[in-house]
Amino acid sequence: MTSTVTAADMSKNFGAYQDAAVREPVIVTKNGRPRTVLMAYEDYLRLTRRERRVELTSELADAEIDAVEAARMAPGFSHLDAELGDKR
């Protein structure tokens, strides 16, 4: 469960919240609105690695391309076709 604290409380008890952030993210609010998150360094590294993971479509195997081309929208989602516009 994520903790939420005010910026003022964070500054008064930084050490305690720093320890808490190792276990779970701590959301810091300012003027009643979420502003920043204090989290474990390992979690930060994991998130930044995931953000940079890129897979090129040119590296897909023929079977994977065939599977994508054969895929069909599940019933009830045809309204999403409008999102494609003329890109189909």
PDB file of N, CA and C in Angstrom:
ATOM      1  N   MET A   1       0.836  -1.173   0.000  1.00  0.00           N
ATOM      2  CA  MET A   1       0.000   0.000   0.000  1.00  0.00           C
ATOM      3  C   MET A   1       0.886   1.243   0.000  1.00  0.00           C
ATOM      4  N   THR A   2       0.598   2.181  -0.873  1.00  0.00           N
ATOM      5  CA  THR A   2       1.406   3.381  -1.014  1.00  0.00           C
ATOM      6  C   THR A   2       1.033   4.407   0.053  1.00  0.00           C
ATOM      7  N   SER A   3       2.048   5.045   0.629  1.00  0.00           N
ATOM      8  CA  SER A   3       1.824   6.100   1.610  1.00  0.00           C
ATOM      9  C   SER A   3       1.732   7.450   0.911  1.00  0.00           C
ATOM     10  N   THR A   4       0.968   8.357   1.484  1.00  0.00           N
ATOM     11  CA  THR A   4       0.874   9.724   0.979  1.00  0.00           C
ATOM     12  C   THR A   4       1.159  10.670   2.133  1.00  0.00           C
ATOM     13  N   VAL A   5       2.071  11.627   1.904  1.00  0.00           N
ATOM     14  CA  VAL A   5       2.446  12.585   2.940  1.00  0.00           C
ATOM     15  C   VAL A   5       2.536  13.978   2.334  1.00  0.00           C
ATOM     16  N   THR A   6       2.401  14.982   3.183  1.00  0.00           N
ATOM     17  CA  THR A   6       2.568  16.360   2.721  1.00  0.00           C
ATOM     18  C   THR A   6       4.062  16.671   2.601  1.00  0.00           C
ATOM     19  N   ALA A   7       4.369  17.671   1.797  1.00  0.00           N
ATOM     20  CA  ALA A   7       5.765  18.088   1.645  1.00  0.00           C
ATOM     21  C   ALA A   7       6.333  18.552   2.983  1.00  0.00           C
ATOM     22  N   ALA A   8       5.512  19.243   3.784  1.00  0.00           N
ATOM     23  CA  ALA A   8       5.975  19.712   5.092  1.00  0.00           C
ATOM     24  C   ALA A   8       6.318  18.541   6.002  1.00  0.00           C
ATOM     25  N   ASP A   9       5.451  17.523   6.026  1.00  0.00           N
ATOM     26  CA  ASP A   9       5.705  16.347   6.848  1.00  0.00           C
ATOM     27  C   ASP A   9       6.938  15.602   6.342  1.00  0.00           C
ATOM     28  N   MET A  10       7.105  15.549   5.028  1.00  0.00           N
ATOM     29  CA  MET A  10       8.276  14.880   4.448  1.00  0.00           C
ATOM     30  C   MET A  10       9.559  15.557   4.922  1.00  0.00           C
ATOM     31  N   SER A  11       9.571  16.885   4.902  1.00  0.00           N
ATOM     32  CA  SER A  11      10.791  17.581   5.307  1.00  0.00           C
ATOM     33  C   SER A  11      11.092  17.409   6.797  1.00  0.00           C
ATOM     34  N   LYS A  12      10.056  17.285   7.613  1.00  0.00           N
ATOM     35  CA  LYS A  12      10.251  17.095   9.053  1.00  0.00           C
ATOM     36  C   LYS A  12      10.720  15.686   9.398  1.00  0.00           C
ATOM     37  N   ASN A  13      10.279  14.704   8.613  1.00  0.00           N
ATOM     38  CA  ASN A  13      10.555  13.295   8.922  1.00  0.00           C
ATOM     39  C   ASN A  13      11.186  12.573   7.742  1.00  0.00           C
ATOM     40  N   PHE A  14      12.108  13.249   7.055  1.00  0.00           N
ATOM     41  CA  PHE A  14      12.659  12.690   5.827  1.00  0.00           C
ATOM     42  C   PHE A  14      13.268  11.302   6.025  1.00  0.00           C
ATOM     43  N   GLY A  15      14.007  11.108   7.065  1.00  0.00           N
ATOM     44  CA  GLY A  15      14.659   9.811   7.298  1.00  0.00           C
ATOM     45  C   GLY A  15      13.657   8.670   7.396  1.00  0.00           C
ATOM     46  N   ALA A  16      12.580   8.894   8.110  1.00  0.00           N
ATOM     47  CA  ALA A  16      11.555   7.851   8.261  1.00  0.00           C
ATOM     48  C   ALA A  16      10.899   7.530   6.922  1.00  0.00           C
ATOM     49  N   TYR A  17      10.597   8.585   6.140  1.00  0.00           N
ATOM     50  CA  TYR A  17       9.954   8.340   4.841  1.00  0.00           C
ATOM     51  C   TYR A  17      10.930   7.748   3.835  1.00  0.00           C
ATOM     52  N   GLN A  18      12.194   8.074   3.981  1.00  0.00           N
ATOM     53  CA  GLN A  18      13.206   7.467   3.125  1.00  0.00           C
ATOM     54  C   GLN A  18      13.264   5.961   3.387  1.00  0.00           C
ATOM     55  N   ASP A  19      13.204   5.576   4.648  1.00  0.00           N
ATOM     56  CA  ASP A  19      13.175   4.151   4.986  1.00  0.00           C
ATOM     57  C   ASP A  19      11.896   3.495   4.481  1.00  0.00           C
ATOM     58  N   ALA A  20      10.765   4.183   4.604  1.00  0.00           N
ATOM     59  CA  ALA A  20       9.484   3.639   4.141  1.00  0.00           C
ATOM     60  C   ALA A  20       9.492   3.447   2.626  1.00  0.00           C
ATOM     61  N   ALA A  21      10.155   4.353   1.903  1.00  0.00           N
ATOM     62  CA  ALA A  21      10.179   4.286   0.440  1.00  0.00           C
ATOM     63  C   ALA A  21      10.923   3.066  -0.076  1.00  0.00           C
ATOM     64  N   VAL A  22      11.775   2.481   0.738  1.00  0.00           N
ATOM     65  CA  VAL A  22      12.470   1.251   0.336  1.00  0.00           C
ATOM     66  C   VAL A  22      11.462   0.101   0.247  1.00  0.00           C
ATOM     67  N   ARG A  23      10.421   0.156   1.084  1.00  0.00           N
ATOM     68  CA  ARG A  23       9.398  -0.894   1.099  1.00  0.00           C
ATOM     69  C   ARG A  23       8.273  -0.633   0.099  1.00  0.00           C
ATOM     70  N   GLU A  24       7.904   0.651  -0.062  1.00  0.00           N
ATOM     71  CA  GLU A  24       6.811   1.026  -0.963  1.00  0.00           C
ATOM     72  C   GLU A  24       6.951   2.494  -1.337  1.00  0.00           C
ATOM     73  N   PRO A  25       6.468   2.899  -2.515  1.00  0.00           N
ATOM     74  CA  PRO A  25       6.572   4.308  -2.906  1.00  0.00           C
ATOM     75  C   PRO A  25       5.838   5.219  -1.929  1.00  0.00           C
ATOM     76  N   VAL A  26       6.372   6.407  -1.753  1.00  0.00           N
ATOM     77  CA  VAL A  26       5.751   7.420  -0.899  1.00  0.00           C
ATOM     78  C   VAL A  26       5.393   8.610  -1.793  1.00  0.00           C
ATOM     79  N   ILE A  27       4.105   8.921  -1.875  1.00  0.00           N
ATOM     80  CA  ILE A  27       3.637  10.050  -2.676  1.00  0.00           C
ATOM     81  C   ILE A  27       3.705  11.295  -1.809  1.00  0.00           C
ATOM     82  N   VAL A  28       4.326  12.345  -2.345  1.00  0.00           N
ATOM     83  CA  VAL A  28       4.466  13.595  -1.618  1.00  0.00           C
ATOM     84  C   VAL A  28       3.529  14.625  -2.246  1.00  0.00           C
ATOM     85  N   THR A  29       2.679  15.229  -1.413  1.00  0.00           N
ATOM     86  CA  THR A  29       1.720  16.209  -1.922  1.00  0.00           C
ATOM     87  C   THR A  29       2.173  17.623  -1.592  1.00  0.00           C
ATOM     88  N   LYS A  30       1.746  18.542  -2.423  1.00  0.00           N
ATOM     89  CA  LYS A  30       1.969  19.962  -2.169  1.00  0.00           C
ATOM     90  C   LYS A  30       0.661  20.669  -2.491  1.00  0.00           C
ATOM     91  N   ASN A  31       0.180  21.449  -1.552  1.00  0.00           N
ATOM     92  CA  ASN A  31      -1.120  22.123  -1.698  1.00  0.00           C
ATOM     93  C   ASN A  31      -2.236  21.126  -1.985  1.00  0.00           C
ATOM     94  N   GLY A  32      -2.131  19.946  -1.369  1.00  0.00           N
ATOM     95  CA  GLY A  32      -3.182  18.941  -1.493  1.00  0.00           C
ATOM     96  C   GLY A  32      -3.159  18.121  -2.769  1.00  0.00           C
ATOM     97  N   ARG A  33      -2.155  18.329  -3.607  1.00  0.00           N
ATOM     98  CA  ARG A  33      -2.070  17.582  -4.874  1.00  0.00           C
ATOM     99  C   ARG A  33      -0.792  16.759  -4.937  1.00  0.00           C
ATOM    100  N   PRO A  34      -0.873  15.538  -5.473  1.00  0.00           N
ATOM    101  CA  PRO A  34       0.344  14.734  -5.634  1.00  0.00           C
ATOM    102  C   PRO A  34       1.360  15.486  -6.494  1.00  0.00           C
ATOM    103  N   ARG A  35       2.602  15.520  -6.029  1.00  0.00           N
ATOM    104  CA  ARG A  35       3.625  16.274  -6.756  1.00  0.00           C
ATOM    105  C   ARG A  35       4.828  15.416  -7.115  1.00  0.00           C
ATOM    106  N   THR A  36       5.325  14.621  -6.175  1.00  0.00           N
ATOM    107  CA  THR A  36       6.487  13.777  -6.418  1.00  0.00           C
ATOM    108  C   THR A  36       6.291  12.421  -5.746  1.00  0.00           C
ATOM    109  N   VAL A  37       7.176  11.493  -6.094  1.00  0.00           N
ATOM    110  CA  VAL A  37       7.152  10.161  -5.488  1.00  0.00           C
ATOM    111  C   VAL A  37       8.569   9.808  -5.052  1.00  0.00           C
ATOM    112  N   LEU A  38       8.693   9.363  -3.829  1.00  0.00           N
ATOM    113  CA  LEU A  38       9.960   8.863  -3.315  1.00  0.00           C
ATOM    114  C   LEU A  38       9.888   7.346  -3.379  1.00  0.00           C
ATOM    115  N   MET A  39      10.886   6.733  -4.034  1.00  0.00           N
ATOM    116  CA  MET A  39      10.861   5.274  -4.191  1.00  0.00           C
ATOM    117  C   MET A  39      12.254   4.693  -4.053  1.00  0.00           C
ATOM    118  N   ALA A  40      12.296   3.382  -3.902  1.00  0.00           N
ATOM    119  CA  ALA A  40      13.572   2.681  -3.795  1.00  0.00           C
ATOM    120  C   ALA A  40      14.354   2.831  -5.103  1.00  0.00           C
ATOM    121  N   TYR A  41      15.661   2.956  -4.975  1.00  0.00           N
ATOM    122  CA  TYR A  41      16.527   3.117  -6.141  1.00  0.00           C
ATOM    123  C   TYR A  41      16.393   1.938  -7.103  1.00  0.00           C
ATOM    124  N   GLU A  42      16.264   0.731  -6.572  1.00  0.00           N
ATOM    125  CA  GLU A  42      16.123  -0.453  -7.421  1.00  0.00           C
ATOM    126  C   GLU A  42      14.847  -0.377  -8.265  1.00  0.00           C
ATOM    127  N   ASP A  43      13.766   0.138  -7.682  1.00  0.00           N
ATOM    128  CA  ASP A  43      12.518   0.305  -8.431  1.00  0.00           C
ATOM    129  C   ASP A  43      12.689   1.332  -9.542  1.00  0.00           C
ATOM    130  N   TYR A  44      13.392   2.406  -9.238  1.00  0.00           N
ATOM    131  CA  TYR A  44      13.668   3.436 -10.241  1.00  0.00           C
ATOM    132  C   TYR A  44      14.455   2.845 -11.415  1.00  0.00           C
ATOM    133  N   LEU A  45      15.489   2.074 -11.119  1.00  0.00           N
ATOM    134  CA  LEU A  45      16.283   1.450 -12.183  1.00  0.00           C
ATOM    135  C   LEU A  45      15.432   0.516 -13.039  1.00  0.00           C
ATOM    136  N   ARG A  46      14.578  -0.261 -12.374  1.00  0.00           N
ATOM    137  CA  ARG A  46      13.708  -1.181 -13.101  1.00  0.00           C
ATOM    138  C   ARG A  46      12.784  -0.420 -14.049  1.00  0.00           C
ATOM    139  N   LEU A  47      12.216   0.671 -13.588  1.00  0.00           N
ATOM    140  CA  LEU A  47      11.317   1.466 -14.424  1.00  0.00           C
ATOM    141  C   LEU A  47      12.039   2.114 -15.595  1.00  0.00           C
ATOM    142  N   THR A  48      13.245   2.611 -15.374  1.00  0.00           N
ATOM    143  CA  THR A  48      13.965   3.257 -16.472  1.00  0.00           C
ATOM    144  C   THR A  48      14.441   2.235 -17.493  1.00  0.00           C
ATOM    145  N   ARG A  49      14.787   1.042 -17.072  1.00  0.00           N
ATOM    146  CA  ARG A  49      15.166   0.000 -18.035  1.00  0.00           C
ATOM    147  C   ARG A  49      13.975  -0.387 -18.892  1.00  0.00           C
ATOM    148  N   ARG A  50      12.825  -0.511 -18.279  1.00  0.00           N
ATOM    149  CA  ARG A  50      11.617  -0.902 -19.013  1.00  0.00           C
ATOM    150  C   ARG A  50      11.249   0.172 -20.030  1.00  0.00           C
ATOM    151  N   GLU A  51      11.407   1.427 -19.662  1.00  0.00           N
ATOM    152  CA  GLU A  51      11.059   2.522 -20.555  1.00  0.00           C
ATOM    153  C   GLU A  51      11.914   2.497 -21.818  1.00  0.00           C
ATOM    154  N   ARG A  52      13.122   2.053 -21.705  1.00  0.00           N
ATOM    155  CA  ARG A  52      14.046   2.088 -22.842  1.00  0.00           C
ATOM    156  C   ARG A  52      14.036   0.814 -23.668  1.00  0.00           C
ATOM    157  N   ARG A  53      13.250  -0.168 -23.267  1.00  0.00           N
ATOM    158  CA  ARG A  53      13.218  -1.427 -24.008  1.00  0.00           C
ATOM    159  C   ARG A  53      12.488  -1.206 -25.334  1.00  0.00           C
ATOM    160  N   VAL A  54      13.179  -1.495 -26.417  1.00  0.00           N
ATOM    161  CA  VAL A  54      12.615  -1.288 -27.741  1.00  0.00           C
ATOM    162  C   VAL A  54      12.761  -2.578 -28.533  1.00  0.00           C
ATOM    163  N   GLU A  55      11.710  -2.934 -29.218  1.00  0.00           N
ATOM    164  CA  GLU A  55      11.769  -4.083 -30.103  1.00  0.00           C
ATOM    165  C   GLU A  55      11.400  -3.624 -31.500  1.00  0.00           C
ATOM    166  N   LEU A  56      12.244  -3.912 -32.461  1.00  0.00           N
ATOM    167  CA  LEU A  56      12.019  -3.500 -33.835  1.00  0.00           C
ATOM    168  C   LEU A  56      11.127  -4.500 -34.556  1.00  0.00           C
ATOM    169  N   THR A  57      10.161  -3.999 -35.283  1.00  0.00           N
ATOM    170  CA  THR A  57       9.297  -4.908 -36.048  1.00  0.00           C
ATOM    171  C   THR A  57      10.085  -5.629 -37.132  1.00  0.00           C
ATOM    172  N   SER A  58      11.172  -5.020 -37.575  1.00  0.00           N
ATOM    173  CA  SER A  58      11.999  -5.675 -38.603  1.00  0.00           C
ATOM    174  C   SER A  58      12.696  -6.922 -38.066  1.00  0.00           C
ATOM    175  N   GLU A  59      12.731  -7.079 -36.756  1.00  0.00           N
ATOM    176  CA  GLU A  59      13.372  -8.239 -36.151  1.00  0.00           C
ATOM    177  C   GLU A  59      12.390  -9.362 -35.819  1.00  0.00           C
ATOM    178  N   LEU A  60      11.098  -9.158 -36.135  1.00  0.00           N
ATOM    179  CA  LEU A  60      10.105 -10.193 -35.875  1.00  0.00           C
ATOM    180  C   LEU A  60      10.270 -11.353 -36.856  1.00  0.00           C
ATOM    181  N   ALA A  61      10.033 -12.540 -36.368  1.00  0.00           N
ATOM    182  CA  ALA A  61      10.064 -13.720 -37.230  1.00  0.00           C
ATOM    183  C   ALA A  61       8.813 -13.717 -38.117  1.00  0.00           C
ATOM    184  N   ASP A  62       8.883 -14.412 -39.230  1.00  0.00           N
ATOM    185  CA  ASP A  62       7.739 -14.481 -40.152  1.00  0.00           C
ATOM    186  C   ASP A  62       6.486 -14.999 -39.446  1.00  0.00           C
ATOM    187  N   ALA A  63       6.642 -15.965 -38.561  1.00  0.00           N
ATOM    188  CA  ALA A  63       5.483 -16.526 -37.858  1.00  0.00           C
ATOM    189  C   ALA A  63       4.834 -15.460 -36.960  1.00  0.00           C
ATOM    190  N   GLU A  64       5.649 -14.611 -36.354  1.00  0.00           N
ATOM    191  CA  GLU A  64       5.100 -13.544 -35.513  1.00  0.00           C
ATOM    192  C   GLU A  64       4.353 -12.510 -36.344  1.00  0.00           C
ATOM    193  N   ILE A  65       4.886 -12.159 -37.488  1.00  0.00           N
ATOM    194  CA  ILE A  65       4.220 -11.222 -38.394  1.00  0.00           C
ATOM    195  C   ILE A  65       2.904 -11.810 -38.882  1.00  0.00           C
ATOM    196  N   ASP A  66       2.922 -13.100 -39.253  1.00  0.00           N
ATOM    197  CA  ASP A  66       1.695 -13.769 -39.693  1.00  0.00           C
ATOM    198  C   ASP A  66       0.640 -13.753 -38.588  1.00  0.00           C
ATOM    199  N   ALA A  67       1.064 -13.968 -37.351  1.00  0.00           N
ATOM    200  CA  ALA A  67       0.126 -13.976 -36.223  1.00  0.00           C
ATOM    201  C   ALA A  67      -0.490 -12.597 -36.019  1.00  0.00           C
ATOM    202  N   VAL A  68       0.287 -11.557 -36.165  1.00  0.00           N
ATOM    203  CA  VAL A  68      -0.234 -10.196 -36.019  1.00  0.00           C
ATOM    204  C   VAL A  68      -1.223  -9.892 -37.130  1.00  0.00           C
ATOM    205  N   GLU A  69      -0.866 -10.261 -38.350  1.00  0.00           N
ATOM    206  CA  GLU A  69      -1.751 -10.001 -39.492  1.00  0.00           C
ATOM    207  C   GLU A  69      -3.054 -10.786 -39.395  1.00  0.00           C
ATOM    208  N   ALA A  70      -3.010 -11.954 -38.787  1.00  0.00           N
ATOM    209  CA  ALA A  70      -4.205 -12.793 -38.672  1.00  0.00           C
ATOM    210  C   ALA A  70      -5.077 -12.414 -37.475  1.00  0.00           C
ATOM    211  N   ALA A  71      -4.564 -11.594 -36.590  1.00  0.00           N
ATOM    212  CA  ALA A  71      -5.309 -11.220 -35.383  1.00  0.00           C
ATOM    213  C   ALA A  71      -6.569 -10.437 -35.738  1.00  0.00           C
ATOM    214  N   ARG A  72      -7.614 -10.686 -34.987  1.00  0.00           N
ATOM    215  CA  ARG A  72      -8.892  -9.996 -35.194  1.00  0.00           C
ATOM    216  C   ARG A  72      -9.349  -9.384 -33.872  1.00  0.00           C
ATOM    217  N   MET A  73     -10.063  -8.289 -33.978  1.00  0.00           N
ATOM    218  CA  MET A  73     -10.591  -7.603 -32.806  1.00  0.00           C
ATOM    219  C   MET A  73     -11.671  -8.459 -32.157  1.00  0.00           C
ATOM    220  N   ALA A  74     -11.643  -8.524 -30.850  1.00  0.00           N
ATOM    221  CA  ALA A  74     -12.673  -9.267 -30.121  1.00  0.00           C
ATOM    222  C   ALA A  74     -14.027  -8.587 -30.321  1.00  0.00           C
ATOM    223  N   PRO A  75     -15.108  -9.352 -30.320  1.00  0.00           N
ATOM    224  CA  PRO A  75     -16.434  -8.755 -30.482  1.00  0.00           C
ATOM    225  C   PRO A  75     -16.687  -7.672 -29.432  1.00  0.00           C
ATOM    226  N   GLY A  76     -17.364  -6.628 -29.845  1.00  0.00           N
ATOM    227  CA  GLY A  76     -17.688  -5.552 -28.925  1.00  0.00           C
ATOM    228  C   GLY A  76     -16.716  -4.395 -28.940  1.00  0.00           C
ATOM    229  N   PHE A  77     -15.676  -4.483 -29.742  1.00  0.00           N
ATOM    230  CA  PHE A  77     -14.686  -3.408 -29.790  1.00  0.00           C
ATOM    231  C   PHE A  77     -14.604  -2.740 -31.163  1.00  0.00           C
ATOM    232  N   SER A  78     -15.578  -2.985 -32.020  1.00  0.00           N
ATOM    233  CA  SER A  78     -15.536  -2.421 -33.376  1.00  0.00           C
ATOM    234  C   SER A  78     -15.565  -0.894 -33.359  1.00  0.00           C
ATOM    235  N   HIS A  79     -16.076  -0.299 -32.280  1.00  0.00           N
ATOM    236  CA  HIS A  79     -16.094   1.166 -32.180  1.00  0.00           C
ATOM    237  C   HIS A  79     -14.687   1.757 -32.168  1.00  0.00           C
ATOM    238  N   LEU A  80     -13.686   0.935 -31.879  1.00  0.00           N
ATOM    239  CA  LEU A  80     -12.306   1.415 -31.860  1.00  0.00           C
ATOM    240  C   LEU A  80     -11.727   1.577 -33.261  1.00  0.00           C
ATOM    241  N   ASP A  81     -12.397   1.014 -34.269  1.00  0.00           N
ATOM    242  CA  ASP A  81     -11.928   1.172 -35.648  1.00  0.00           C
ATOM    243  C   ASP A  81     -11.833   2.645 -36.025  1.00  0.00           C
ATOM    244  N   ALA A  82     -12.686   3.486 -35.468  1.00  0.00           N
ATOM    245  CA  ALA A  82     -12.648   4.915 -35.767  1.00  0.00           C
ATOM    246  C   ALA A  82     -11.320   5.538 -35.355  1.00  0.00           C
ATOM    247  N   GLU A  83     -10.647   4.948 -34.373  1.00  0.00           N
ATOM    248  CA  GLU A  83      -9.346   5.459 -33.933  1.00  0.00           C
ATOM    249  C   GLU A  83      -8.291   5.316 -35.025  1.00  0.00           C
ATOM    250  N   LEU A  84      -8.472   4.355 -35.913  1.00  0.00           N
ATOM    251  CA  LEU A  84      -7.506   4.125 -36.975  1.00  0.00           C
ATOM    252  C   LEU A  84      -7.604   5.165 -38.079  1.00  0.00           C
ATOM    253  N   GLY A  85      -8.768   5.751 -38.248  1.00  0.00           N
ATOM    254  CA  GLY A  85      -8.962   6.737 -39.311  1.00  0.00           C
ATOM    255  C   GLY A  85      -8.642   6.113 -40.657  1.00  0.00           C
ATOM    256  N   ASP A  86      -7.793   6.762 -41.418  1.00  0.00           N
ATOM    257  CA  ASP A  86      -7.397   6.258 -42.744  1.00  0.00           C
ATOM    258  C   ASP A  86      -6.127   5.433 -42.680  1.00  0.00           C
ATOM    259  N   LYS A  87      -5.698   5.045 -41.494  1.00  0.00           N
ATOM    260  CA  LYS A  87      -4.445   4.312 -41.308  1.00  0.00           C
ATOM    261  C   LYS A  87      -4.577   2.824 -41.530  1.00  0.00           C
ATOM    262  N   ARG A  88      -5.787   2.333 -41.793  1.00  0.00           N
ATOM    263  CA  ARG A  88      -5.998   0.893 -41.959  1.00  0.00           C
ATOM    264  C   ARG A  88      -5.421   0.379 -43.215  1.00  0.00           C
TER     265      ARG A  88
END
